């Protein structure tokens, strides 16, 4: 059965009905199918007779073949809408709702149109019932593909059940073909994961735009195509995050554009995930899940995989008690990839046991790192850690400083585990330079704690190189985010050089201002000829002198 109420054909307000009335309602399922009409004349008459006799609204759910699959009974003014399980994502559900109105001029209301949008119905219709229990006018509407006018549905002029068109199936097939054509025109190449991004907060618009731009970049790094961005400036709703009217608009956009997931630019609570999953069959993701998915895709070492699985389990532990269908949409694919994927739907006790086991493994890995750090300490080799916002150019700087080939891609979180390389200075001096995982605003606490062994490398560093992307519009906010996280890790007291990277992509006047503001050293990580001032500053801090050769700094 396609409906949640599988045991009974009749749903809604059936208390107090006579047995004969229930039998008449149930007998509707035996009526001859009417695939080519919205509703047959005989069924329309029966609905109106029953509705006037009961003084209640009566409705039916009809499938694409014309079979009545559900009968619902309401009160005099409304009707409870049964929950429909959609067959295929991003397609019309292949069901239509027809119900009665007991008062004249009873056209389609906002509840009807909301139900049409939420359930992606083929069509919704309301039949006016006269005082004798006969059908008067019939109103009907269906959703529209994306269009220049921005219309979301078409409401037809009222007519009579006798004048309804005889080509309903042809109309639906043509409508679905139009949906497909428009998706290709509006958003071509829809293979893979396709999302609508949603931000809900009362923050200033400039702050919201920066946050959404970063979420869009996170989605790109995770392999998700962003089809549209929806911003609502209001305090988040405790249940649906956004207002229900706005959520309805988003669901219509998802159908029009071919989106299969909604990505929220905030962290969702288990109750919000459950409410949204009950409201729509689209996959629901939040900012943390996208970050976790990027980590899962980029984890290649044993330590990285352990840390990803630990972060996944800690994040999903509160969700294990919610409805199974919501959890199944939460996991698997984007937002649920990685070594922990097969363990995400285990019970809480086993999840906690697994978390304890992973934390013990991470402690053991931390001990091994401690031994390696002790060896470096005995040899009296200074350690320099490269820190900064994700995708600021840290790995590129390491590669060109040390002539290495660490993976450096134009994606967020391309580096997940510490990478150490040697850098030689004049007079046979050398340092160990460590590339670390990038920071990001609103970094989840569980993620921060799961990767503590990574940050332990920074704790023993003698010097921090804070790489800033000066071509970014929100460089100051990113600087403050990194400084705050360093403070949270109790690393803010360490010597630090602000390295102003990507000067080749920035206005020289802007760079000059940032140099003064942050006492920074401007470089282009792709051009080693710009490194001389940086190396001089590093030598001065590490050894207390500025050592130059006749030909410049050697490295």
Protein backbone atom coordinates (compact mmCIF):
# COMPACT_ATOMS: atom_id res chain seq x y z
CA UNK A 1 0.00 0.00 0.00
CA UNK A 2 1.24 3.52 -0.65
CA UNK A 3 -0.39 5.08 2.39
CA UNK A 4 0.66 4.91 6.02
CA UNK A 5 -2.82 3.74 7.09
CA UNK A 6 -2.50 0.38 5.38
CA UNK A 7 -5.04 -1.55 7.43
CA UNK A 8 -8.08 0.60 6.64
CA UNK A 9 -9.27 2.27 3.48
CA UNK A 10 -11.11 4.95 5.48
CA UNK A 11 -9.23 7.52 7.55
CA UNK A 12 -10.08 10.66 9.46
CA UNK A 13 -13.16 11.51 11.52
CA UNK A 14 -15.17 8.28 11.27
CA UNK A 15 -16.29 8.16 14.92
CA UNK A 16 -20.08 7.99 15.23
CA UNK A 17 -20.74 6.86 11.67
CA UNK A 18 -23.42 4.23 11.13
CA UNK A 19 -22.38 0.82 9.85
CA UNK A 20 -24.32 1.40 6.64
CA UNK A 21 -22.51 4.69 6.09
CA UNK A 22 -19.13 3.04 6.63
CA UNK A 23 -20.06 0.30 4.15
CA UNK A 24 -21.04 2.89 1.55
CA UNK A 25 -17.72 4.68 2.04
CA UNK A 26 -15.82 1.41 1.78
CA UNK A 27 -17.72 0.42 -1.36
CA UNK A 28 -16.09 3.33 -3.18
CA UNK A 29 -12.99 1.18 -3.65
CA UNK A 30 -15.01 -1.16 -5.88
CA UNK A 31 -16.05 1.58 -8.28
CA UNK A 32 -14.95 1.35 -11.90
CA UNK A 33 -11.58 3.10 -12.41
CA UNK A 34 -11.62 6.47 -14.17
CA UNK A 35 -8.04 7.09 -15.43
CA UNK A 36 -8.99 9.59 -18.14
CA UNK A 37 -11.19 11.83 -15.97
CA UNK A 38 -10.37 13.75 -12.81
CA UNK A 39 -13.42 12.04 -11.29
CA UNK A 40 -16.30 10.09 -12.76
CA UNK A 41 -19.81 11.53 -12.60
CA UNK A 42 -21.07 8.55 -10.56
CA UNK A 43 -18.33 8.81 -7.92
CA UNK A 44 -18.78 12.59 -7.72
CA UNK A 45 -22.49 12.15 -7.03
CA UNK A 46 -21.85 9.50 -4.37
CA UNK A 47 -19.28 11.70 -2.62
CA UNK A 48 -21.66 14.64 -2.56
CA UNK A 49 -24.58 12.53 -1.28
CA UNK A 50 -22.46 11.10 1.55
CA UNK A 51 -20.99 14.50 2.37
CA UNK A 52 -24.43 16.15 2.69
CA UNK A 53 -25.82 13.15 4.64
CA UNK A 54 -22.92 13.22 7.11
CA UNK A 55 -22.61 17.03 7.04
CA UNK A 56 -18.88 16.45 6.74
CA UNK A 57 -16.33 16.89 4.02
CA UNK A 58 -15.45 13.62 2.29
CA UNK A 59 -12.41 13.10 0.09
CA UNK A 60 -10.75 10.38 -1.96
CA UNK A 61 -7.17 9.70 -3.03
CA UNK A 62 -7.05 8.36 -6.58
CA UNK A 63 -4.00 6.84 -8.29
CA UNK A 64 -2.90 7.48 -11.87
CA UNK A 65 -4.83 4.39 -13.07
CA UNK A 66 -8.08 5.78 -11.68
CA UNK A 67 -8.37 3.47 -8.63
CA UNK A 68 -9.59 4.91 -5.31
CA UNK A 69 -6.93 3.96 -2.77
CA UNK A 70 -8.11 5.96 0.25
CA UNK A 71 -11.29 7.61 1.56
CA UNK A 72 -10.96 10.36 4.19
CA UNK A 73 -13.71 11.95 6.30
CA UNK A 74 -13.38 15.36 7.95
CA UNK A 75 -15.76 17.81 9.62
CA UNK A 76 -18.00 20.48 8.13
CA UNK A 77 -15.15 22.90 7.36
CA UNK A 78 -12.03 20.82 6.76
CA UNK A 79 -10.67 17.41 5.95
CA UNK A 80 -7.63 15.60 7.41
CA UNK A 81 -5.12 15.00 4.68
CA UNK A 82 -3.75 11.44 4.58
CA UNK A 83 0.01 10.97 4.33
CA UNK A 84 1.17 9.82 0.89
CA UNK A 85 4.39 7.95 0.23
CA UNK A 86 5.82 9.29 -3.02
CA UNK A 87 7.01 6.69 -5.51
CA UNK A 88 9.92 8.50 -7.14
CA UNK A 89 11.89 11.49 -5.88
CA UNK A 90 11.54 14.68 -7.96
CA UNK A 91 8.48 13.28 -9.76
CA UNK A 92 4.78 13.83 -9.34
CA UNK A 93 3.36 11.35 -6.84
CA UNK A 94 0.84 9.92 -9.35
CA UNK A 95 -2.04 10.51 -6.92
CA UNK A 96 -4.77 13.11 -6.87
CA UNK A 97 -7.05 14.37 -4.11
CA UNK A 98 -10.72 15.13 -4.69
CA UNK A 99 -12.85 16.29 -1.77
CA UNK A 100 -16.18 18.00 -1.16
CA UNK A 101 -17.10 21.50 0.09
CA UNK A 102 -20.42 21.92 1.91
CA UNK A 103 -20.75 25.66 1.29
CA UNK A 104 -21.18 27.61 -1.93
CA UNK A 105 -18.17 29.25 -3.55
CA UNK A 106 -16.07 26.58 -1.85
CA UNK A 107 -12.99 26.86 -4.01
CA UNK A 108 -9.49 25.64 -3.28
CA UNK A 109 -7.98 27.08 -0.12
CA UNK A 110 -4.39 27.41 1.11
CA UNK A 111 -4.60 24.03 2.85
CA UNK A 112 -5.49 22.38 -0.46
CA UNK A 113 -2.63 24.09 -2.28
CA UNK A 114 -0.19 23.29 0.52
CA UNK A 115 -1.17 19.63 0.37
CA UNK A 116 -0.75 19.73 -3.41
CA UNK A 117 2.79 21.11 -3.05
CA UNK A 118 3.98 19.03 -0.09
CA UNK A 119 2.83 15.74 -1.57
CA UNK A 120 3.61 16.58 -5.21
CA UNK A 121 0.08 15.54 -6.18
CA UNK A 122 -0.96 15.21 -9.79
CA UNK A 123 -3.90 17.41 -8.97
CA UNK A 124 -6.09 18.66 -6.11
CA UNK A 125 -9.81 19.27 -6.55
CA UNK A 126 -12.79 20.49 -4.53
CA UNK A 127 -16.45 19.85 -5.42
CA UNK A 128 -19.18 22.20 -4.14
CA UNK A 129 -22.18 20.32 -2.69
CA UNK A 130 -25.65 21.86 -2.95
CA UNK A 131 -28.44 21.50 -0.38
CA UNK A 132 -29.79 18.37 -2.11
CA UNK A 133 -26.46 16.60 -2.03
CA UNK A 134 -25.71 17.12 -5.70
CA UNK A 135 -22.43 18.32 -7.17
CA UNK A 136 -22.35 21.98 -8.23
CA UNK A 137 -19.07 23.41 -9.46
CA UNK A 138 -15.70 21.66 -9.33
CA UNK A 139 -12.39 23.49 -8.77
CA UNK A 140 -9.01 21.96 -9.55
CA UNK A 141 -5.31 22.87 -9.78
CA UNK A 142 -1.92 21.32 -10.46
CA UNK A 143 1.72 22.34 -9.99
CA UNK A 144 3.67 24.11 -12.73
CA UNK A 145 7.25 23.65 -13.92
CA UNK A 146 9.71 26.53 -13.45
CA UNK A 147 8.58 29.51 -15.50
CA UNK A 148 9.45 33.15 -16.12
CA UNK A 149 6.37 34.40 -14.26
CA UNK A 150 7.36 32.55 -11.09
CA UNK A 151 3.97 30.84 -10.85
CA UNK A 152 3.93 27.66 -8.79
CA UNK A 153 0.56 26.21 -9.72
CA UNK A 154 -2.28 26.61 -12.21
CA UNK A 155 -5.80 26.99 -10.84
CA UNK A 156 -8.41 26.27 -13.50
CA UNK A 157 -11.72 28.17 -13.80
CA UNK A 158 -14.51 26.29 -12.00
CA UNK A 159 -16.61 23.98 -14.13
CA UNK A 160 -19.09 21.14 -13.61
CA UNK A 161 -18.34 17.44 -13.21
CA UNK A 162 -20.20 16.91 -16.48
CA UNK A 163 -17.84 19.21 -18.40
CA UNK A 164 -14.54 17.87 -17.11
CA UNK A 165 -11.97 17.05 -19.81
CA UNK A 166 -11.59 13.43 -20.88
CA UNK A 167 -7.81 13.56 -21.30
CA UNK A 168 -6.51 13.57 -17.71
CA UNK A 169 -3.79 10.96 -18.38
CA UNK A 170 -2.56 12.83 -21.45
CA UNK A 171 -2.49 16.06 -19.43
CA UNK A 172 -0.38 14.47 -16.69
CA UNK A 173 2.06 12.87 -19.13
CA UNK A 174 2.49 16.20 -20.92
CA UNK A 175 2.99 17.98 -17.58
CA UNK A 176 5.72 15.59 -16.48
CA UNK A 177 7.49 15.94 -19.82
CA UNK A 178 7.37 19.71 -19.40
CA UNK A 179 8.87 19.39 -15.92
CA UNK A 180 11.75 17.37 -17.36
CA UNK A 181 12.37 19.80 -20.23
CA UNK A 182 12.37 22.82 -17.94
CA UNK A 183 14.78 21.19 -15.49
CA UNK A 184 17.25 20.64 -18.29
CA UNK A 185 16.90 24.26 -19.42
CA UNK A 186 17.02 25.81 -15.94
CA UNK A 187 19.55 23.42 -14.37
CA UNK A 188 21.28 21.13 -16.90
CA UNK A 189 23.27 18.03 -15.95
CA UNK A 190 21.37 16.94 -12.86
CA UNK A 191 23.19 13.66 -12.37
CA UNK A 192 24.50 13.15 -8.83
CA UNK A 193 23.46 14.96 -5.65
CA UNK A 194 21.45 18.15 -6.19
CA UNK A 195 20.56 20.48 -3.35
CA UNK A 196 18.76 23.64 -2.36
CA UNK A 197 20.65 25.57 0.31
CA UNK A 198 18.65 27.18 3.12
CA UNK A 199 19.71 29.82 5.63
CA UNK A 200 17.35 31.03 8.35
CA UNK A 201 18.52 33.68 10.83
CA UNK A 202 17.91 37.33 11.76
CA UNK A 203 21.58 38.25 11.17
CA UNK A 204 22.65 41.12 8.89
CA UNK A 205 22.43 40.27 5.20
CA UNK A 206 26.19 40.64 4.64
CA UNK A 207 26.92 38.04 7.35
CA UNK A 208 24.30 35.69 5.91
CA UNK A 209 25.71 35.99 2.39
CA UNK A 210 29.23 35.14 3.59
CA UNK A 211 27.95 32.11 5.50
CA UNK A 212 25.89 30.89 2.54
CA UNK A 213 28.83 31.37 0.17
CA UNK A 214 30.94 29.19 2.44
CA UNK A 215 28.22 26.52 2.63
CA UNK A 216 28.04 26.58 -1.17
CA UNK A 217 31.80 25.99 -1.30
CA UNK A 218 31.45 23.17 1.24
CA UNK A 219 28.82 21.55 -1.00
CA UNK A 220 31.11 21.89 -4.01
CA UNK A 221 33.90 20.18 -2.06
CA UNK A 222 31.47 17.40 -1.12
CA UNK A 223 30.41 16.89 -4.74
CA UNK A 224 26.93 18.41 -4.36
CA UNK A 225 25.43 20.64 -7.05
CA UNK A 226 23.68 23.70 -5.66
CA UNK A 227 20.52 24.40 -7.66
CA UNK A 228 19.16 27.31 -5.63
CA UNK A 229 19.69 29.29 -2.42
CA UNK A 230 16.83 30.30 -0.12
CA UNK A 231 17.35 32.90 2.63
CA UNK A 232 14.76 33.75 5.26
CA UNK A 233 15.62 36.50 7.74
CA UNK A 234 13.80 35.48 10.91
CA UNK A 235 14.58 33.51 14.08
CA UNK A 236 14.68 29.78 13.22
CA UNK A 237 11.44 27.91 13.88
CA UNK A 238 11.77 25.32 16.64
CA UNK A 239 10.06 22.67 14.51
CA UNK A 240 10.61 23.29 10.80
CA UNK A 241 13.52 25.79 11.03
CA UNK A 242 11.78 28.00 8.46
CA UNK A 243 8.17 29.12 8.19
CA UNK A 244 5.78 26.56 6.71
CA UNK A 245 4.82 28.90 3.86
CA UNK A 246 8.45 29.31 2.90
CA UNK A 247 9.06 25.59 3.30
CA UNK A 248 6.19 24.89 0.90
CA UNK A 249 7.81 27.22 -1.65
CA UNK A 250 11.10 25.37 -1.23
CA UNK A 251 9.45 22.01 -1.87
CA UNK A 252 7.89 23.32 -5.07
CA UNK A 253 11.30 24.63 -6.18
CA UNK A 254 12.80 21.22 -5.41
CA UNK A 255 10.28 19.61 -7.78
CA UNK A 256 10.76 22.26 -10.45
CA UNK A 257 14.57 22.19 -10.35
CA UNK A 258 15.05 18.48 -9.64
CA UNK A 259 16.63 18.80 -6.17
CA UNK A 260 16.84 15.69 -4.03
CA UNK A 261 18.06 17.25 -0.77
CA UNK A 262 17.75 20.33 1.42
CA UNK A 263 20.96 21.56 3.06
CA UNK A 264 20.50 23.88 6.03
CA UNK A 265 23.18 26.40 6.96
CA UNK A 266 22.85 25.57 10.64
CA UNK A 267 22.98 22.48 12.80
CA UNK A 268 19.61 20.75 13.17
CA UNK A 269 18.24 19.09 16.28
CA UNK A 270 16.85 15.52 16.15
CA UNK A 271 13.31 16.88 16.55
CA UNK A 272 13.79 19.23 13.59
CA UNK A 273 15.17 16.42 11.42
CA UNK A 274 12.18 14.26 12.33
CA UNK A 275 9.66 17.03 11.65
CA UNK A 276 11.21 17.89 8.29
CA UNK A 277 11.48 14.21 7.31
CA UNK A 278 7.79 13.74 8.13
CA UNK A 279 6.99 16.80 6.02
CA UNK A 280 8.96 15.82 2.91
CA UNK A 281 10.75 12.82 1.44
CA UNK A 282 13.75 14.93 0.42
CA UNK A 283 17.01 14.19 2.21
CA UNK A 284 17.64 16.67 5.05
CA UNK A 285 21.23 17.69 5.80
CA UNK A 286 22.83 20.36 7.95
CA UNK A 287 26.19 22.12 7.85
CA UNK A 288 27.92 19.56 10.10
CA UNK A 289 26.91 16.62 7.91
CA UNK A 290 28.37 18.28 4.82
CA UNK A 291 31.66 18.86 6.67
CA UNK A 292 31.66 15.25 7.88
CA UNK A 293 31.06 14.04 4.34
CA UNK A 294 34.05 16.02 3.05
CA UNK A 295 36.16 14.52 5.82
CA UNK A 296 34.93 11.03 4.93
CA UNK A 297 35.83 11.50 1.25
CA UNK A 298 39.31 12.83 2.01
CA UNK A 299 40.32 10.47 4.82
CA UNK A 300 43.01 8.10 3.48
CA UNK A 301 45.11 7.24 6.54
CA UNK A 302 44.10 4.89 9.32
CA UNK A 303 44.07 7.78 11.76
CA UNK A 304 41.95 9.95 9.47
CA UNK A 305 39.36 7.20 8.99
CA UNK A 306 39.15 6.59 12.74
CA UNK A 307 38.64 10.28 13.40
CA UNK A 308 35.93 10.54 10.76
CA UNK A 309 34.05 7.53 12.10
CA UNK A 310 34.28 8.87 15.63
CA UNK A 311 32.94 12.26 14.58
CA UNK A 312 30.11 10.61 12.62
CA UNK A 313 29.05 8.46 15.55
CA UNK A 314 29.18 11.33 18.04
CA UNK A 315 27.09 13.45 15.72
CA UNK A 316 24.51 10.73 15.00
CA UNK A 317 24.18 9.36 18.54
CA UNK A 318 21.34 11.78 19.48
CA UNK A 319 19.51 10.85 16.25
CA UNK A 320 19.36 7.10 16.91
CA UNK A 321 16.08 7.41 18.79
CA UNK A 322 14.15 9.22 16.03
CA UNK A 323 11.85 7.65 13.46
CA UNK A 324 13.64 5.05 11.34
CA UNK A 325 12.60 6.58 8.03
CA UNK A 326 14.10 9.92 9.03
CA UNK A 327 17.34 8.22 10.08
CA UNK A 328 17.56 6.27 6.85
CA UNK A 329 17.33 9.52 4.89
CA UNK A 330 19.91 11.08 7.19
CA UNK A 331 22.47 8.37 6.42
CA UNK A 332 23.97 6.93 3.28
CA UNK A 333 25.42 8.89 0.39
CA UNK A 334 26.18 12.56 0.96
CA UNK A 335 26.17 13.20 4.71
CA UNK A 336 26.63 9.52 5.57
CA UNK A 337 29.67 8.29 3.65
CA UNK A 338 32.87 6.95 5.11
CA UNK A 339 34.12 4.15 7.29
CA UNK A 340 31.27 4.57 9.77
CA UNK A 341 28.48 4.22 7.22
CA UNK A 342 27.58 0.61 8.06
CA UNK A 343 27.46 1.40 11.80
CA UNK A 344 25.15 4.40 11.80
CA UNK A 345 21.86 2.64 12.59
CA UNK A 346 23.05 0.57 15.51
CA UNK A 347 21.50 1.05 18.93
CA UNK A 348 22.80 3.61 21.41
CA UNK A 349 24.64 1.14 23.63
CA UNK A 350 26.63 -0.34 20.75
CA UNK A 351 27.28 3.16 19.42
CA UNK A 352 28.72 4.24 22.77
CA UNK A 353 30.85 1.10 22.92
CA UNK A 354 32.19 1.84 19.46
CA UNK A 355 32.90 5.46 20.41
CA UNK A 356 34.88 4.29 23.46
CA UNK A 357 36.86 1.87 21.29
CA UNK A 358 37.68 4.55 18.72
CA UNK A 359 38.70 7.03 21.40
CA UNK A 360 41.10 4.45 22.82
CA UNK A 361 42.61 3.90 19.37
CA UNK A 362 43.04 7.65 18.97
CA UNK A 363 44.77 7.82 22.36
CA UNK A 364 47.20 5.14 21.22
CA UNK A 365 47.89 7.05 18.02
CA UNK A 366 48.43 10.13 20.14
CA UNK A 367 51.08 8.30 22.19
CA UNK A 368 52.95 7.39 19.01
CA UNK A 369 52.86 11.01 17.92
CA UNK A 370 54.20 11.99 21.33
CA UNK A 371 57.19 9.66 20.84
CA UNK A 372 57.94 11.25 17.47
CA UNK A 373 57.72 14.71 18.97
CA UNK A 374 60.12 13.70 21.73
CA UNK A 375 62.66 12.60 19.12
CA UNK A 376 62.41 15.99 17.47
CA UNK A 377 62.81 17.68 20.87
CA UNK A 378 65.96 15.66 21.65
CA UNK A 379 67.45 16.68 18.32
CA UNK A 380 66.57 20.29 19.17
CA UNK A 381 64.77 20.83 15.86
CA UNK A 382 62.24 23.71 15.99
CA UNK A 383 58.71 22.95 14.85
CA UNK A 384 56.58 25.34 12.79
CA UNK A 385 52.85 24.63 12.34
CA UNK A 386 50.88 26.09 9.43
CA UNK A 387 47.38 26.98 10.57
CA UNK A 388 44.54 28.92 9.04
CA UNK A 389 41.11 28.87 7.52
CA UNK A 390 40.34 25.99 5.21
CA UNK A 391 41.39 26.53 1.57
CA UNK A 392 43.60 29.48 2.49
CA UNK A 393 46.59 27.90 0.71
CA UNK A 394 48.37 26.16 3.59
CA UNK A 395 49.34 22.99 1.67
CA UNK A 396 50.50 25.01 -1.34
CA UNK A 397 52.72 27.09 0.93
CA UNK A 398 54.20 23.94 2.49
CA UNK A 399 54.87 22.41 -0.94
CA UNK A 400 56.72 25.43 -2.28
CA UNK A 401 58.61 26.11 0.94
CA UNK A 402 59.93 22.54 1.14
CA UNK A 403 59.78 21.42 -2.49
CA UNK A 404 57.21 18.76 -1.53
CA UNK A 405 54.15 17.31 -3.23
CA UNK A 406 51.52 17.29 -0.50
CA UNK A 407 47.97 17.13 -1.92
CA UNK A 408 46.85 20.72 -2.45
CA UNK A 409 43.48 21.12 -4.15
CA UNK A 410 40.99 23.93 -4.56
CA UNK A 411 38.60 22.25 -2.14
CA UNK A 412 37.77 22.75 1.49
CA UNK A 413 39.48 20.30 3.87
CA UNK A 414 41.81 18.79 1.27
CA UNK A 415 44.21 18.15 4.20
CA UNK A 416 42.86 16.05 7.08
CA UNK A 417 45.92 14.73 8.88
CA UNK A 418 49.21 16.46 9.81
CA UNK A 419 51.94 16.33 7.19
CA UNK A 420 55.53 17.06 8.28
CA UNK A 421 58.36 18.26 6.03
CA UNK A 422 61.88 19.64 6.64
CA UNK A 423 62.87 23.17 5.71
CA UNK A 424 66.59 24.05 5.60
CA UNK A 425 67.90 27.49 6.46
CA UNK A 426 71.48 28.88 6.10
CA UNK A 427 74.19 27.79 8.55
CA UNK A 428 72.83 24.22 8.42
CA UNK A 429 69.74 25.17 10.36
CA UNK A 430 66.48 23.36 9.76
CA UNK A 431 62.93 23.24 11.03
CA UNK A 432 60.05 20.81 10.82
CA UNK A 433 57.04 22.37 9.13
CA UNK A 434 53.65 20.76 9.79
CA UNK A 435 50.57 21.25 7.62
CA UNK A 436 47.34 20.92 9.62
CA UNK A 437 43.61 20.60 9.01
CA UNK A 438 41.92 23.89 8.19
CA UNK A 439 39.60 25.71 10.54
CA UNK A 440 36.10 26.85 9.69
CA UNK A 441 33.45 28.96 11.37
CA UNK A 442 30.95 27.09 13.55
CA UNK A 443 33.26 24.05 13.69
CA UNK A 444 31.27 21.34 15.54
CA UNK A 445 32.59 20.54 19.01
CA UNK A 446 32.47 16.81 18.35
CA UNK A 447 34.56 17.32 15.24
CA UNK A 448 37.07 19.41 17.16
CA UNK A 449 37.39 16.81 19.92
CA UNK A 450 37.59 13.89 17.48
CA UNK A 451 40.55 15.52 15.74
CA UNK A 452 42.37 16.48 18.93
CA UNK A 453 45.39 14.36 18.02
CA UNK A 454 45.73 16.45 14.89
CA UNK A 455 45.74 19.64 16.93
CA UNK A 456 48.22 18.16 19.40
CA UNK A 457 50.82 18.70 16.70
CA UNK A 458 50.16 22.43 16.99
CA UNK A 459 50.50 22.36 20.78
CA UNK A 460 54.23 21.51 20.64
CA UNK A 461 54.99 23.95 17.83
CA UNK A 462 57.53 26.70 18.46
CA UNK A 463 55.94 28.97 15.88
CA UNK A 464 52.60 29.24 14.10
CA UNK A 465 52.21 30.46 10.54
CA UNK A 466 48.66 31.76 10.28
CA UNK A 467 47.85 31.76 6.55
CA UNK A 468 45.21 34.29 5.47
CA UNK A 469 43.57 34.42 2.05
CA UNK A 470 43.69 38.17 1.35
CA UNK A 471 41.58 37.71 -1.81
CA UNK A 472 38.61 36.66 0.35
CA UNK A 473 35.91 39.26 1.00
CA UNK A 474 35.59 38.20 4.65
CA UNK A 475 39.28 37.87 5.49
CA UNK A 476 38.83 39.70 8.80
CA UNK A 477 36.06 37.36 9.97
CA UNK A 478 38.11 34.31 8.96
CA UNK A 479 41.11 35.71 10.85
CA UNK A 480 38.99 36.17 13.96
CA UNK A 481 37.54 32.64 13.60
CA UNK A 482 41.01 31.07 13.55
CA UNK A 483 42.23 33.21 16.45
CA UNK A 484 39.18 32.21 18.51
CA UNK A 485 39.74 28.50 17.81
CA UNK A 486 43.43 28.85 18.71
CA UNK A 487 42.33 30.46 21.95
CA UNK A 488 39.91 27.60 22.61
CA UNK A 489 42.84 25.20 22.09
CA UNK A 490 44.97 27.38 24.45
CA UNK A 491 47.41 28.11 21.64
CA UNK A 492 46.88 31.86 21.37
CA UNK A 493 50.03 32.62 23.42
CA UNK A 494 52.42 30.97 20.93
CA UNK A 495 54.52 33.14 18.58
CA UNK A 496 52.56 33.67 15.40
CA UNK A 497 53.25 35.15 11.97
CA UNK A 498 50.31 36.28 9.89
CA UNK A 499 51.07 35.13 6.33
CA UNK A 500 48.99 37.11 3.84
CA UNK A 501 48.59 34.69 0.94
CA UNK A 502 47.18 35.09 -2.60
CA UNK A 503 48.46 38.65 -3.06
CA UNK A 504 48.41 37.96 -6.81
CA UNK A 505 44.59 37.84 -6.64
CA UNK A 506 44.07 40.87 -4.43
CA UNK A 507 44.15 44.66 -4.75
CA UNK A 508 47.63 45.93 -3.70
CA UNK A 509 46.01 48.70 -1.63
CA UNK A 510 43.97 46.12 0.26
CA UNK A 511 47.09 44.02 0.86
CA UNK A 512 48.98 47.05 2.14
CA UNK A 513 46.19 47.82 4.59
CA UNK A 514 46.10 44.23 5.86
CA UNK A 515 49.89 44.19 6.27
CA UNK A 516 49.57 47.16 8.63
CA UNK A 517 46.47 45.81 10.36
CA UNK A 518 47.88 42.35 11.14
CA UNK A 519 51.63 43.06 11.00
CA UNK A 520 51.54 40.46 8.23
CA UNK A 521 53.99 39.16 5.65
CA UNK A 522 52.58 39.20 2.08
CA UNK A 523 53.31 36.15 -0.09
CA UNK A 524 52.04 34.25 -3.07
CA UNK A 525 52.25 30.58 -2.12
CA UNK A 526 52.64 29.67 -5.81
CA UNK A 527 55.67 31.97 -6.22
CA UNK A 528 58.72 31.07 -4.05
CA UNK A 529 60.39 34.36 -4.96
CA UNK A 530 57.98 36.09 -2.55
CA UNK A 531 59.09 33.98 0.44
CA UNK A 532 62.24 35.92 1.46
CA UNK A 533 60.55 38.29 3.99
CA UNK A 534 58.68 35.35 5.51
CA UNK A 535 61.83 33.28 5.96
CA UNK A 536 63.62 36.23 7.50
CA UNK A 537 60.78 36.73 10.00
CA UNK A 538 60.81 33.00 10.85
CA UNK A 539 64.57 33.05 11.51
CA UNK A 540 64.28 36.13 13.66
CA UNK A 541 61.64 34.53 15.89
CA UNK A 542 63.20 31.04 16.07
CA UNK A 543 66.87 31.97 16.55
CA UNK A 544 66.77 35.59 17.56
CA UNK A 545 68.73 36.87 14.57
CA UNK A 546 68.21 37.73 10.93
CA UNK A 547 70.69 35.61 8.93
CA UNK A 548 71.20 36.58 5.31
CA UNK A 549 73.62 35.36 2.72
CA UNK A 550 74.99 37.46 -0.08
CA UNK A 551 72.58 35.87 -2.45
CA UNK A 552 69.64 36.10 -0.06
CA UNK A 553 67.99 33.56 2.20
CA UNK A 554 68.75 29.91 1.46
CA UNK A 555 66.06 27.27 1.82
